Amino acid sequence: MAKMTKSQLMSALSDKTGMAKKDVVSFMDTLTEMAYSEVKKNGEFVLPGFGKMVKVRRKARAGVNPATGEKIQIAAKTVAKFRLAKAAKEAVM
């Protein structure tokens, strides 16, 4: 089964909600922008019933270059993660 493309997703949302496709695209773009800015500013963005995107600080750690086997030091960095809500997990499982 092929993955749903962005265009297919927008069309499906438009069909299910009765909204115009351009309105759905605008809504999703706005939601995405809000999620990114909230995570950047406050460290998390919650979408009730679906999950939350959080900013997590990773510590510096030792690693191995797989090509050479050489030990390297991996610097500390901040990454974004998505944590699925319990209701979403139960619905999918």
N, C-alpha and C. Protein backbone atom coordinates (compact mmCIF):
# COMPACT_ATOMS: atom_id res chain seq x y z
N MET A 1 0.83 -1.18 0.00
CA MET A 1 0.00 0.00 0.00
C MET A 1 0.88 1.25 0.00
N ALA A 2 0.61 2.17 -0.90
CA ALA A 2 1.41 3.39 -1.03
C ALA A 2 1.04 4.40 0.05
N LYS A 3 2.01 5.22 0.42
CA LYS A 3 1.75 6.29 1.39
C LYS A 3 0.88 7.36 0.75
N MET A 4 0.10 8.03 1.58
CA MET A 4 -0.74 9.12 1.10
C MET A 4 0.13 10.36 0.91
N THR A 5 0.04 10.98 -0.27
CA THR A 5 0.80 12.20 -0.53
C THR A 5 0.11 13.39 0.13
N LYS A 6 0.81 14.51 0.18
CA LYS A 6 0.23 15.72 0.77
C LYS A 6 -1.03 16.12 0.00
N SER A 7 -0.96 16.07 -1.33
CA SER A 7 -2.11 16.44 -2.16
C SER A 7 -3.30 15.51 -1.91
N GLN A 8 -3.03 14.21 -1.79
CA GLN A 8 -4.10 13.25 -1.52
C GLN A 8 -4.71 13.50 -0.14
N LEU A 9 -3.87 13.81 0.84
CA LEU A 9 -4.35 14.10 2.19
C LEU A 9 -5.25 15.33 2.19
N MET A 10 -4.81 16.38 1.50
CA MET A 10 -5.60 17.61 1.44
C MET A 10 -6.94 17.36 0.75
N SER A 11 -6.94 16.57 -0.32
CA SER A 11 -8.18 16.24 -1.02
C SER A 11 -9.12 15.43 -0.13
N ALA A 12 -8.55 14.46 0.59
CA ALA A 12 -9.36 13.62 1.48
C ALA A 12 -9.97 14.47 2.61
N LEU A 13 -9.19 15.36 3.20
CA LEU A 13 -9.71 16.24 4.24
C LEU A 13 -10.80 17.16 3.69
N SER A 14 -10.60 17.65 2.49
CA SER A 14 -11.58 18.50 1.85
C SER A 14 -12.90 17.75 1.65
N ASP A 15 -12.81 16.51 1.18
CA ASP A 15 -14.00 15.69 0.95
C ASP A 15 -14.73 15.39 2.27
N LYS A 16 -13.98 15.03 3.31
CA LYS A 16 -14.60 14.64 4.58
C LYS A 16 -15.19 15.81 5.34
N THR A 17 -14.59 17.00 5.20
CA THR A 17 -15.08 18.15 5.97
C THR A 17 -16.03 19.04 5.18
N GLY A 18 -16.03 18.92 3.87
CA GLY A 18 -16.86 19.78 3.04
C GLY A 18 -16.23 21.15 2.81
N MET A 19 -15.02 21.34 3.30
CA MET A 19 -14.31 22.60 3.09
C MET A 19 -13.66 22.60 1.71
N ALA A 20 -13.42 23.78 1.17
CA ALA A 20 -12.71 23.89 -0.10
C ALA A 20 -11.27 23.44 0.12
N LYS A 21 -10.68 22.83 -0.91
CA LYS A 21 -9.31 22.31 -0.77
C LYS A 21 -8.34 23.43 -0.40
N LYS A 22 -8.50 24.63 -0.99
CA LYS A 22 -7.58 25.73 -0.68
C LYS A 22 -7.71 26.16 0.78
N ASP A 23 -8.91 26.03 1.36
CA ASP A 23 -9.09 26.36 2.78
C ASP A 23 -8.42 25.32 3.67
N VAL A 24 -8.50 24.05 3.26
CA VAL A 24 -7.85 22.97 4.01
C VAL A 24 -6.34 23.17 3.98
N VAL A 25 -5.80 23.48 2.80
CA VAL A 25 -4.36 23.70 2.66
C VAL A 25 -3.93 24.87 3.53
N SER A 26 -4.69 25.96 3.51
CA SER A 26 -4.38 27.13 4.32
C SER A 26 -4.42 26.79 5.81
N PHE A 27 -5.45 26.05 6.23
CA PHE A 27 -5.58 25.64 7.63
C PHE A 27 -4.38 24.79 8.06
N MET A 28 -4.02 23.81 7.25
CA MET A 28 -2.90 22.91 7.60
C MET A 28 -1.57 23.67 7.64
N ASP A 29 -1.37 24.60 6.70
CA ASP A 29 -0.15 25.41 6.71
C ASP A 29 -0.07 26.26 7.97
N THR A 30 -1.21 26.85 8.37
CA THR A 30 -1.25 27.66 9.59
C THR A 30 -0.99 26.81 10.83
N LEU A 31 -1.59 25.62 10.88
CA LEU A 31 -1.38 24.71 12.00
C LEU A 31 0.09 24.32 12.11
N THR A 32 0.71 24.04 10.98
CA THR A 32 2.13 23.67 10.96
C THR A 32 3.00 24.82 11.46
N GLU A 33 2.74 26.02 10.96
CA GLU A 33 3.51 27.19 11.41
C GLU A 33 3.36 27.41 12.91
N MET A 34 2.13 27.27 13.41
CA MET A 34 1.89 27.43 14.85
C MET A 34 2.65 26.38 15.65
N ALA A 35 2.64 25.13 15.17
CA ALA A 35 3.35 24.05 15.87
C ALA A 35 4.84 24.36 15.95
N TYR A 36 5.43 24.76 14.84
CA TYR A 36 6.87 25.06 14.82
C TYR A 36 7.21 26.21 15.75
N SER A 37 6.42 27.29 15.71
CA SER A 37 6.75 28.45 16.54
C SER A 37 6.54 28.15 18.03
N GLU A 38 5.50 27.37 18.36
CA GLU A 38 5.26 27.02 19.77
C GLU A 38 6.37 26.13 20.31
N VAL A 39 6.83 25.17 19.53
CA VAL A 39 7.92 24.30 19.99
C VAL A 39 9.19 25.12 20.16
N LYS A 40 9.45 26.01 19.23
CA LYS A 40 10.65 26.84 19.32
C LYS A 40 10.60 27.75 20.54
N LYS A 41 9.42 28.35 20.79
CA LYS A 41 9.27 29.31 21.89
C LYS A 41 9.06 28.64 23.24
N ASN A 42 8.15 27.67 23.33
CA ASN A 42 7.75 27.08 24.62
C ASN A 42 8.25 25.66 24.86
N GLY A 43 8.83 25.03 23.84
CA GLY A 43 9.36 23.68 24.04
C GLY A 43 8.40 22.56 23.72
N GLU A 44 7.09 22.88 23.50
CA GLU A 44 6.15 21.83 23.14
C GLU A 44 4.90 22.40 22.48
N PHE A 45 4.26 21.56 21.66
CA PHE A 45 3.00 21.90 21.01
C PHE A 45 2.10 20.68 21.12
N VAL A 46 0.92 20.86 21.73
CA VAL A 46 0.00 19.74 21.96
C VAL A 46 -1.15 19.80 20.96
N LEU A 47 -1.41 18.68 20.33
CA LEU A 47 -2.59 18.51 19.47
C LEU A 47 -3.45 17.48 20.18
N PRO A 48 -4.47 17.92 20.94
CA PRO A 48 -5.26 17.01 21.78
C PRO A 48 -5.79 15.80 21.01
N GLY A 49 -5.61 14.63 21.61
CA GLY A 49 -6.08 13.39 21.01
C GLY A 49 -5.14 12.80 19.98
N PHE A 50 -4.10 13.55 19.61
CA PHE A 50 -3.17 13.07 18.59
C PHE A 50 -1.76 12.92 19.16
N GLY A 51 -1.28 13.93 19.86
CA GLY A 51 0.05 13.86 20.45
C GLY A 51 0.65 15.22 20.65
N LYS A 52 1.94 15.23 20.95
CA LYS A 52 2.61 16.52 21.12
C LYS A 52 4.02 16.47 20.57
N MET A 53 4.43 17.60 20.02
CA MET A 53 5.79 17.77 19.52
C MET A 53 6.56 18.47 20.63
N VAL A 54 7.72 17.92 20.98
CA VAL A 54 8.51 18.49 22.07
C VAL A 54 9.95 18.70 21.63
N LYS A 55 10.58 19.69 22.26
CA LYS A 55 11.99 19.97 22.02
C LYS A 55 12.76 19.28 23.13
N VAL A 56 13.74 18.45 22.75
CA VAL A 56 14.51 17.66 23.72
C VAL A 56 15.99 17.94 23.54
N ARG A 57 16.68 18.12 24.65
CA ARG A 57 18.13 18.35 24.63
C ARG A 57 18.85 17.02 24.76
N ARG A 58 19.68 16.67 23.78
CA ARG A 58 20.49 15.45 23.84
C ARG A 58 21.87 15.79 24.40
N LYS A 59 22.37 14.94 25.29
CA LYS A 59 23.70 15.13 25.87
C LYS A 59 24.76 14.76 24.85
N ALA A 60 25.97 15.26 25.07
CA ALA A 60 27.11 14.85 24.26
C ALA A 60 27.39 13.39 24.57
N ARG A 61 27.85 12.64 23.58
CA ARG A 61 28.10 11.22 23.80
C ARG A 61 29.19 10.73 22.86
N ALA A 62 29.73 9.56 23.19
CA ALA A 62 30.74 8.94 22.35
C ALA A 62 30.05 8.09 21.30
N GLY A 63 30.61 8.04 20.11
CA GLY A 63 30.05 7.23 19.03
C GLY A 63 31.16 6.59 18.24
N VAL A 64 30.77 5.85 17.20
CA VAL A 64 31.75 5.16 16.35
C VAL A 64 31.41 5.47 14.90
N ASN A 65 32.44 5.86 14.13
CA ASN A 65 32.27 6.06 12.71
C ASN A 65 32.11 4.69 12.07
N PRO A 66 30.96 4.36 11.47
CA PRO A 66 30.74 3.02 10.95
C PRO A 66 31.66 2.67 9.77
N ALA A 67 32.12 3.67 9.05
CA ALA A 67 32.99 3.40 7.90
C ALA A 67 34.41 3.01 8.32
N THR A 68 34.92 3.67 9.38
CA THR A 68 36.31 3.44 9.78
C THR A 68 36.46 2.73 11.11
N GLY A 69 35.41 2.71 11.90
CA GLY A 69 35.49 2.11 13.23
C GLY A 69 36.11 3.06 14.24
N GLU A 70 36.46 4.26 13.80
CA GLU A 70 37.10 5.25 14.66
C GLU A 70 36.10 5.80 15.67
N LYS A 71 36.56 5.96 16.93
CA LYS A 71 35.70 6.53 17.97
C LYS A 71 35.65 8.04 17.77
N ILE A 72 34.43 8.57 17.88
CA ILE A 72 34.24 10.01 17.72
C ILE A 72 33.39 10.55 18.86
N GLN A 73 33.47 11.85 19.07
CA GLN A 73 32.65 12.50 20.08
C GLN A 73 31.49 13.19 19.37
N ILE A 74 30.27 12.88 19.76
CA ILE A 74 29.08 13.50 19.18
C ILE A 74 28.66 14.62 20.12
N ALA A 75 28.55 15.83 19.56
CA ALA A 75 28.24 17.02 20.36
C ALA A 75 26.80 16.99 20.87
N ALA A 76 26.56 17.72 21.95
CA ALA A 76 25.20 17.89 22.48
C ALA A 76 24.39 18.68 21.46
N LYS A 77 23.09 18.40 21.38
CA LYS A 77 22.25 19.16 20.47
C LYS A 77 20.79 19.07 20.91
N THR A 78 19.98 19.94 20.35
CA THR A 78 18.55 19.96 20.62
C THR A 78 17.84 19.37 19.41
N VAL A 79 16.87 18.47 19.66
CA VAL A 79 16.12 17.84 18.58
C VAL A 79 14.62 17.95 18.88
N ALA A 80 13.81 17.81 17.84
CA ALA A 80 12.36 17.80 18.01
C ALA A 80 11.88 16.35 17.93
N LYS A 81 10.96 15.98 18.81
CA LYS A 81 10.40 14.63 18.82
C LYS A 81 8.88 14.75 18.88
N PHE A 82 8.21 13.71 18.38
CA PHE A 82 6.75 13.68 18.46
C PHE A 82 6.35 12.53 19.36
N ARG A 83 5.55 12.83 20.36
CA ARG A 83 5.07 11.80 21.29
C ARG A 83 3.59 11.59 21.04
N LEU A 84 3.24 10.39 20.63
CA LEU A 84 1.87 10.05 20.30
C LEU A 84 1.02 9.98 21.57
N ALA A 85 -0.19 10.51 21.50
CA ALA A 85 -1.11 10.48 22.65
C ALA A 85 -1.58 9.06 22.91
N LYS A 86 -1.93 8.77 24.15
CA LYS A 86 -2.39 7.44 24.53
C LYS A 86 -3.62 7.03 23.73
N ALA A 87 -4.56 7.96 23.53
CA ALA A 87 -5.76 7.66 22.76
C ALA A 87 -5.43 7.28 21.31
N ALA A 88 -4.44 7.95 20.74
CA ALA A 88 -4.02 7.66 19.37
C ALA A 88 -3.35 6.29 19.29
N LYS A 89 -2.53 5.95 20.28
CA LYS A 89 -1.89 4.64 20.33
C LYS A 89 -2.92 3.54 20.39
N GLU A 90 -3.91 3.72 21.28
CA GLU A 90 -4.94 2.70 21.44
C GLU A 90 -5.79 2.56 20.19
N ALA A 91 -6.06 3.65 19.49
CA ALA A 91 -6.86 3.61 18.27
C ALA A 91 -6.13 2.88 17.15
N VAL A 92 -4.81 3.04 17.10
CA VAL A 92 -4.01 2.41 16.04
C VAL A 92 -3.69 0.96 16.36
N MET A 93 -3.46 0.66 17.62
CA MET A 93 -3.10 -0.71 18.00
C MET A 93 -4.35 -1.51 18.12
